[in-house]
Amino acid sequence: MGSKFQWYDYLLFGLTLVIAMGVGIYKAVRDRKRSSVQYYLLGGGKLTCIPTGLSIALSFVSAVIVLGTTAEVYTYGIQMCVYQAASLLGMISAVWLFVPLFYNLGITTLYEVSIHMNHGFYLVIG
């Protein structure tokens, strides 16, 4: 098998793009009366834990991480498992501590956190 794209690779890639665009266009047409930045960013406030959690988890995954992790394990050995365990602990603590706090405060970005914080404290941590 060659290293170049074949016709079926282009077909699958194009089909993936068409499906993603179709979902976006469908949602845009269906929800055009409720279009606001707040509705767009928060999904209308009706997202459950599963799509929110999947979105957060998948935002950490990229081709660089998938390829880079294997190279890191090959280079540095089992030490990478300690890093993965620490990352998992950090993500779990963020989900249990910060997400509910920010949700109850109505904060969606770090910029909004800086607005609500004491300016002197912000200078120390910023």
N, C-alpha and C. Protein backbone atom coordinates (compact mmCIF):
# COMPACT_ATOMS: atom_id res chain seq x y z
N MET A 1 0.85 -1.18 0.00
CA MET A 1 0.00 0.00 0.00
C MET A 1 0.89 1.24 0.00
N GLY A 2 0.63 2.16 -0.88
CA GLY A 2 1.43 3.36 -1.00
C GLY A 2 1.15 4.35 0.12
N SER A 3 1.98 5.35 0.20
CA SER A 3 1.83 6.36 1.25
C SER A 3 0.98 7.54 0.79
N LYS A 4 0.48 7.47 -0.42
CA LYS A 4 -0.33 8.57 -0.94
C LYS A 4 -1.81 8.23 -0.81
N PHE A 5 -2.64 9.27 -0.79
CA PHE A 5 -4.08 9.08 -0.71
C PHE A 5 -4.58 8.39 -1.98
N GLN A 6 -5.47 7.45 -1.79
CA GLN A 6 -6.15 6.79 -2.90
C GLN A 6 -7.53 7.44 -3.04
N TRP A 7 -8.29 7.05 -4.04
CA TRP A 7 -9.59 7.66 -4.29
C TRP A 7 -10.53 7.46 -3.11
N TYR A 8 -10.48 6.30 -2.47
CA TYR A 8 -11.38 6.03 -1.34
C TYR A 8 -11.00 6.85 -0.11
N ASP A 9 -9.72 7.20 0.02
CA ASP A 9 -9.32 8.08 1.11
C ASP A 9 -9.93 9.47 0.94
N TYR A 10 -9.86 9.98 -0.28
CA TYR A 10 -10.47 11.28 -0.57
C TYR A 10 -11.99 11.23 -0.38
N LEU A 11 -12.60 10.12 -0.79
CA LEU A 11 -14.04 9.97 -0.62
C LEU A 11 -14.43 10.00 0.86
N LEU A 12 -13.73 9.25 1.67
CA LEU A 12 -14.02 9.20 3.10
C LEU A 12 -13.77 10.56 3.76
N PHE A 13 -12.67 11.21 3.40
CA PHE A 13 -12.37 12.53 3.94
C PHE A 13 -13.44 13.55 3.54
N GLY A 14 -13.84 13.53 2.27
CA GLY A 14 -14.88 14.45 1.81
C GLY A 14 -16.22 14.17 2.46
N LEU A 15 -16.55 12.90 2.62
CA LEU A 15 -17.80 12.52 3.27
C LEU A 15 -17.84 12.99 4.72
N THR A 16 -16.72 12.88 5.40
CA THR A 16 -16.64 13.37 6.78
C THR A 16 -16.89 14.87 6.85
N LEU A 17 -16.28 15.61 5.94
CA LEU A 17 -16.48 17.06 5.91
C LEU A 17 -17.93 17.43 5.57
N VAL A 18 -18.52 16.72 4.61
CA VAL A 18 -19.90 17.00 4.21
C VAL A 18 -20.86 16.72 5.37
N ILE A 19 -20.64 15.62 6.10
CA ILE A 19 -21.51 15.31 7.24
C ILE A 19 -21.38 16.38 8.32
N ALA A 20 -20.14 16.78 8.62
CA ALA A 20 -19.95 17.81 9.65
C ALA A 20 -20.60 19.13 9.23
N MET A 21 -20.44 19.51 7.97
CA MET A 21 -21.07 20.75 7.50
C MET A 21 -22.59 20.62 7.50
N GLY A 22 -23.08 19.44 7.15
CA GLY A 22 -24.52 19.23 7.14
C GLY A 22 -25.13 19.38 8.52
N VAL A 23 -24.47 18.84 9.53
CA VAL A 23 -24.97 18.99 10.90
C VAL A 23 -24.95 20.46 11.30
N GLY A 24 -23.88 21.17 10.97
CA GLY A 24 -23.80 22.59 11.30
C GLY A 24 -24.86 23.43 10.61
N ILE A 25 -25.07 23.16 9.33
CA ILE A 25 -26.09 23.92 8.58
C ILE A 25 -27.48 23.59 9.10
N TYR A 26 -27.75 22.32 9.39
CA TYR A 26 -29.04 21.92 9.93
C TYR A 26 -29.33 22.63 11.25
N LYS A 27 -28.36 22.63 12.15
CA LYS A 27 -28.55 23.28 13.45
C LYS A 27 -28.69 24.80 13.28
N ALA A 28 -27.95 25.38 12.35
CA ALA A 28 -28.04 26.83 12.13
C ALA A 28 -29.42 27.22 11.61
N VAL A 29 -29.96 26.44 10.68
CA VAL A 29 -31.28 26.74 10.13
C VAL A 29 -32.36 26.48 11.17
N ARG A 30 -32.26 25.39 11.91
CA ARG A 30 -33.27 25.03 12.89
C ARG A 30 -33.32 26.01 14.06
N ASP A 31 -32.17 26.50 14.49
CA ASP A 31 -32.11 27.37 15.67
C ASP A 31 -31.81 28.83 15.32
N ARG A 32 -32.15 29.26 14.12
CA ARG A 32 -31.78 30.63 13.72
C ARG A 32 -32.54 31.70 14.50
N LYS A 33 -33.70 31.37 15.03
CA LYS A 33 -34.46 32.36 15.80
C LYS A 33 -33.87 32.57 17.19
N ARG A 34 -33.13 31.59 17.67
CA ARG A 34 -32.54 31.69 19.01
C ARG A 34 -31.05 31.98 18.94
N SER A 35 -30.61 32.59 17.89
CA SER A 35 -29.17 32.79 17.72
C SER A 35 -28.68 33.96 18.58
N SER A 36 -27.86 33.62 19.54
CA SER A 36 -27.15 34.60 20.34
C SER A 36 -25.83 33.97 20.73
N VAL A 37 -24.91 34.78 21.14
CA VAL A 37 -23.60 34.27 21.53
C VAL A 37 -23.74 33.35 22.74
N GLN A 38 -24.54 33.74 23.70
CA GLN A 38 -24.73 32.93 24.90
C GLN A 38 -25.33 31.57 24.55
N TYR A 39 -26.32 31.56 23.66
CA TYR A 39 -26.94 30.30 23.24
C TYR A 39 -25.94 29.42 22.50
N TYR A 40 -25.13 30.04 21.65
CA TYR A 40 -24.15 29.29 20.86
C TYR A 40 -23.06 28.69 21.75
N LEU A 41 -22.51 29.47 22.66
CA LEU A 41 -21.41 29.00 23.49
C LEU A 41 -21.84 27.97 24.52
N LEU A 42 -23.03 28.09 25.04
CA LEU A 42 -23.47 27.19 26.11
C LEU A 42 -24.47 26.15 25.64
N GLY A 43 -24.73 26.07 24.35
CA GLY A 43 -25.66 25.07 23.85
C GLY A 43 -27.07 25.28 24.34
N GLY A 44 -27.44 26.50 24.60
CA GLY A 44 -28.77 26.80 25.09
C GLY A 44 -28.96 26.45 26.56
N GLY A 45 -27.88 26.07 27.23
CA GLY A 45 -27.96 25.71 28.64
C GLY A 45 -28.61 24.36 28.87
N LYS A 46 -28.78 23.57 27.82
CA LYS A 46 -29.48 22.29 27.95
C LYS A 46 -28.56 21.09 27.76
N LEU A 47 -27.27 21.31 27.70
CA LEU A 47 -26.36 20.19 27.52
C LEU A 47 -26.23 19.39 28.81
N THR A 48 -26.26 18.08 28.67
CA THR A 48 -26.11 17.21 29.83
C THR A 48 -24.62 16.93 30.07
N CYS A 49 -24.36 16.10 31.05
CA CYS A 49 -22.98 15.81 31.43
C CYS A 49 -22.20 15.08 30.34
N ILE A 50 -22.85 14.17 29.63
CA ILE A 50 -22.12 13.35 28.65
C ILE A 50 -21.58 14.18 27.49
N PRO A 51 -22.37 15.00 26.77
CA PRO A 51 -21.76 15.78 25.69
C PRO A 51 -20.77 16.82 26.20
N THR A 52 -21.03 17.38 27.38
CA THR A 52 -20.09 18.34 27.93
C THR A 52 -18.77 17.66 28.29
N GLY A 53 -18.85 16.52 28.94
CA GLY A 53 -17.63 15.79 29.29
C GLY A 53 -16.86 15.31 28.08
N LEU A 54 -17.58 14.82 27.07
CA LEU A 54 -16.90 14.40 25.84
C LEU A 54 -16.23 15.57 25.15
N SER A 55 -16.87 16.71 25.14
CA SER A 55 -16.28 17.89 24.52
C SER A 55 -15.00 18.30 25.24
N ILE A 56 -15.03 18.30 26.55
CA ILE A 56 -13.85 18.66 27.32
C ILE A 56 -12.73 17.64 27.10
N ALA A 57 -13.09 16.36 27.15
CA ALA A 57 -12.08 15.31 27.00
C ALA A 57 -11.46 15.34 25.61
N LEU A 58 -12.28 15.50 24.59
CA LEU A 58 -11.76 15.48 23.22
C LEU A 58 -11.01 16.74 22.87
N SER A 59 -11.21 17.81 23.61
CA SER A 59 -10.43 19.01 23.32
C SER A 59 -8.97 18.84 23.72
N PHE A 60 -8.69 17.84 24.57
CA PHE A 60 -7.31 17.55 24.94
C PHE A 60 -6.62 16.63 23.94
N VAL A 61 -7.39 15.96 23.10
CA VAL A 61 -6.83 14.98 22.19
C VAL A 61 -6.60 15.62 20.83
N SER A 62 -5.41 15.44 20.32
CA SER A 62 -5.09 15.93 18.98
C SER A 62 -4.12 14.94 18.34
N ALA A 63 -3.84 15.12 17.08
CA ALA A 63 -2.90 14.24 16.40
C ALA A 63 -1.51 14.36 17.02
N VAL A 64 -1.15 15.54 17.47
CA VAL A 64 0.15 15.73 18.09
C VAL A 64 0.26 14.91 19.37
N ILE A 65 -0.81 14.89 20.15
CA ILE A 65 -0.79 14.11 21.40
C ILE A 65 -0.76 12.62 21.10
N VAL A 66 -1.55 12.18 20.15
CA VAL A 66 -1.60 10.75 19.81
C VAL A 66 -0.23 10.28 19.32
N LEU A 67 0.38 11.03 18.44
CA LEU A 67 1.69 10.64 17.92
C LEU A 67 2.80 10.94 18.92
N GLY A 68 2.68 12.05 19.62
CA GLY A 68 3.73 12.45 20.54
C GLY A 68 3.82 11.58 21.78
N THR A 69 2.70 11.06 22.24
CA THR A 69 2.72 10.22 23.44
C THR A 69 3.50 8.94 23.19
N THR A 70 3.31 8.34 22.03
CA THR A 70 4.06 7.12 21.73
C THR A 70 5.55 7.40 21.66
N ALA A 71 5.92 8.54 21.10
CA ALA A 71 7.34 8.89 21.05
C ALA A 71 7.89 9.18 22.45
N GLU A 72 7.10 9.81 23.28
CA GLU A 72 7.54 10.08 24.66
C GLU A 72 7.75 8.79 25.44
N VAL A 73 6.83 7.84 25.30
CA VAL A 73 6.97 6.56 26.01
C VAL A 73 8.20 5.82 25.50
N TYR A 74 8.42 5.86 24.22
CA TYR A 74 9.59 5.20 23.65
C TYR A 74 10.88 5.85 24.15
N THR A 75 10.87 7.16 24.26
CA THR A 75 12.08 7.88 24.67
C THR A 75 12.31 7.82 26.17
N TYR A 76 11.28 8.08 26.96
CA TYR A 76 11.46 8.22 28.41
C TYR A 76 10.94 7.03 29.22
N GLY A 77 10.30 6.09 28.58
CA GLY A 77 9.86 4.89 29.28
C GLY A 77 8.60 5.09 30.09
N ILE A 78 8.51 4.36 31.19
CA ILE A 78 7.31 4.29 32.00
C ILE A 78 7.01 5.59 32.74
N GLN A 79 7.93 6.52 32.76
CA GLN A 79 7.72 7.80 33.41
C GLN A 79 6.49 8.51 32.86
N MET A 80 6.15 8.22 31.62
CA MET A 80 4.98 8.84 31.00
C MET A 80 3.70 8.43 31.72
N CYS A 81 3.66 7.25 32.33
CA CYS A 81 2.47 6.81 33.07
C CYS A 81 2.22 7.71 34.27
N VAL A 82 3.28 8.18 34.92
CA VAL A 82 3.13 9.10 36.04
C VAL A 82 2.51 10.40 35.56
N TYR A 83 2.95 10.87 34.42
CA TYR A 83 2.38 12.09 33.83
C TYR A 83 0.90 11.90 33.52
N GLN A 84 0.55 10.75 32.95
CA GLN A 84 -0.85 10.49 32.61
C GLN A 84 -1.72 10.42 33.86
N ALA A 85 -1.21 9.80 34.92
CA ALA A 85 -1.97 9.71 36.17
C ALA A 85 -2.18 11.10 36.78
N ALA A 86 -1.15 11.92 36.74
CA ALA A 86 -1.27 13.28 37.26
C ALA A 86 -2.25 14.10 36.42
N SER A 87 -2.23 13.92 35.11
CA SER A 87 -3.17 14.63 34.24
C SER A 87 -4.61 14.21 34.52
N LEU A 88 -4.81 12.91 34.73
CA LEU A 88 -6.15 12.42 35.06
C LEU A 88 -6.63 13.00 36.38
N LEU A 89 -5.77 13.03 37.37
CA LEU A 89 -6.12 13.61 38.67
C LEU A 89 -6.46 15.09 38.53
N GLY A 90 -5.68 15.81 37.73
CA GLY A 90 -5.96 17.23 37.50
C GLY A 90 -7.29 17.46 36.81
N MET A 91 -7.61 16.63 35.81
CA MET A 91 -8.87 16.79 35.10
C MET A 91 -10.06 16.48 36.00
N ILE A 92 -9.93 15.43 36.81
CA ILE A 92 -11.02 15.07 37.72
C ILE A 92 -11.25 16.17 38.74
N SER A 93 -10.16 16.72 39.29
CA SER A 93 -10.33 17.79 40.27
C SER A 93 -10.92 19.04 39.63
N ALA A 94 -10.56 19.32 38.40
CA ALA A 94 -11.14 20.48 37.71
C ALA A 94 -12.63 20.30 37.49
N VAL A 95 -13.02 19.07 37.12
CA VAL A 95 -14.44 18.80 36.89
C VAL A 95 -15.23 18.91 38.19
N TRP A 96 -14.71 18.43 39.28
CA TRP A 96 -15.43 18.43 40.56
C TRP A 96 -15.38 19.78 41.27
N LEU A 97 -14.30 20.55 41.07
CA LEU A 97 -14.15 21.81 41.80
C LEU A 97 -14.52 23.03 40.98
N PHE A 98 -13.90 23.18 39.83
CA PHE A 98 -14.02 24.43 39.10
C PHE A 98 -15.24 24.54 38.21
N VAL A 99 -15.61 23.46 37.54
CA VAL A 99 -16.76 23.53 36.63
C VAL A 99 -18.04 23.90 37.38
N PRO A 100 -18.37 23.25 38.51
CA PRO A 100 -19.58 23.67 39.23
C PRO A 100 -19.50 25.11 39.75
N LEU A 101 -18.33 25.50 40.20
CA LEU A 101 -18.16 26.87 40.70
C LEU A 101 -18.40 27.88 39.59
N PHE A 102 -17.75 27.68 38.45
CA PHE A 102 -17.92 28.62 37.34
C PHE A 102 -19.35 28.57 36.79
N TYR A 103 -19.96 27.40 36.78
CA TYR A 103 -21.34 27.29 36.28
C TYR A 103 -22.30 28.07 37.18
N ASN A 104 -22.15 27.92 38.49
CA ASN A 104 -23.04 28.63 39.42
C ASN A 104 -22.83 30.14 39.36
N LEU A 105 -21.61 30.57 39.06
CA LEU A 105 -21.34 32.00 38.94
C LEU A 105 -21.72 32.55 37.56
N GLY A 106 -22.02 31.68 36.61
CA GLY A 106 -22.36 32.12 35.26
C GLY A 106 -21.16 32.55 34.47
N ILE A 107 -20.00 32.01 34.79
CA ILE A 107 -18.75 32.39 34.13
C ILE A 107 -18.44 31.36 33.05
N THR A 108 -18.13 31.85 31.84
CA THR A 108 -17.82 30.95 30.74
C THR A 108 -16.40 31.08 30.23
N THR A 109 -15.70 32.17 30.57
CA THR A 109 -14.33 32.36 30.10
C THR A 109 -13.44 32.82 31.25
N LEU A 110 -12.14 32.68 31.06
CA LEU A 110 -11.21 33.15 32.08
C LEU A 110 -11.20 34.68 32.18
N TYR A 111 -11.54 35.34 31.09
CA TYR A 111 -11.64 36.79 31.14
C TYR A 111 -12.71 37.22 32.14
N GLU A 112 -13.82 36.52 32.16
CA GLU A 112 -14.88 36.85 33.12
C GLU A 112 -14.42 36.60 34.55
N VAL A 113 -13.55 35.60 34.75
CA VAL A 113 -12.99 35.36 36.09
C VAL A 113 -12.18 36.57 36.51
N SER A 114 -11.38 37.12 35.59
CA SER A 114 -10.54 38.26 35.92
C SER A 114 -11.38 39.50 36.25
N ILE A 115 -12.56 39.62 35.66
CA ILE A 115 -13.44 40.74 35.96
C ILE A 115 -13.98 40.63 37.38
N HIS A 116 -14.33 39.40 37.80
CA HIS A 116 -14.94 39.18 39.11
C HIS A 116 -13.92 39.18 40.25
N MET A 117 -12.65 38.99 39.93
CA MET A 117 -11.64 38.86 40.98
C MET A 117 -11.14 40.23 41.44
N ASN A 118 -10.58 40.25 42.62
CA ASN A 118 -9.92 41.43 43.14
C ASN A 118 -8.70 41.72 42.26
N HIS A 119 -8.52 42.96 41.86
CA HIS A 119 -7.45 43.30 40.93
C HIS A 119 -6.07 42.98 41.49
N GLY A 120 -5.85 43.21 42.77
CA GLY A 120 -4.55 42.91 43.38
C GLY A 120 -4.25 41.43 43.37
N PHE A 121 -5.25 40.62 43.68
CA PHE A 121 -5.07 39.19 43.65
C PHE A 121 -4.82 38.70 42.23
N TYR A 122 -5.48 39.30 41.27
CA TYR A 122 -5.30 38.94 39.88
C TYR A 122 -3.87 39.24 39.42
N LEU A 123 -3.30 40.34 39.90
CA LEU A 123 -1.94 40.66 39.54
C LEU A 123 -0.95 39.63 40.07
N VAL A 124 -1.25 39.08 41.24
CA VAL A 124 -0.36 38.08 41.84
C VAL A 124 -0.39 36.78 41.05
N ILE A 125 -1.59 36.31 40.68
CA ILE A 125 -1.68 35.02 40.00
C ILE A 125 -1.58 35.15 38.49
N GLY A 126 -1.81 36.35 37.95
CA GLY A 126 -1.81 36.54 36.51
C GLY A 126 -0.45 36.76 36.00
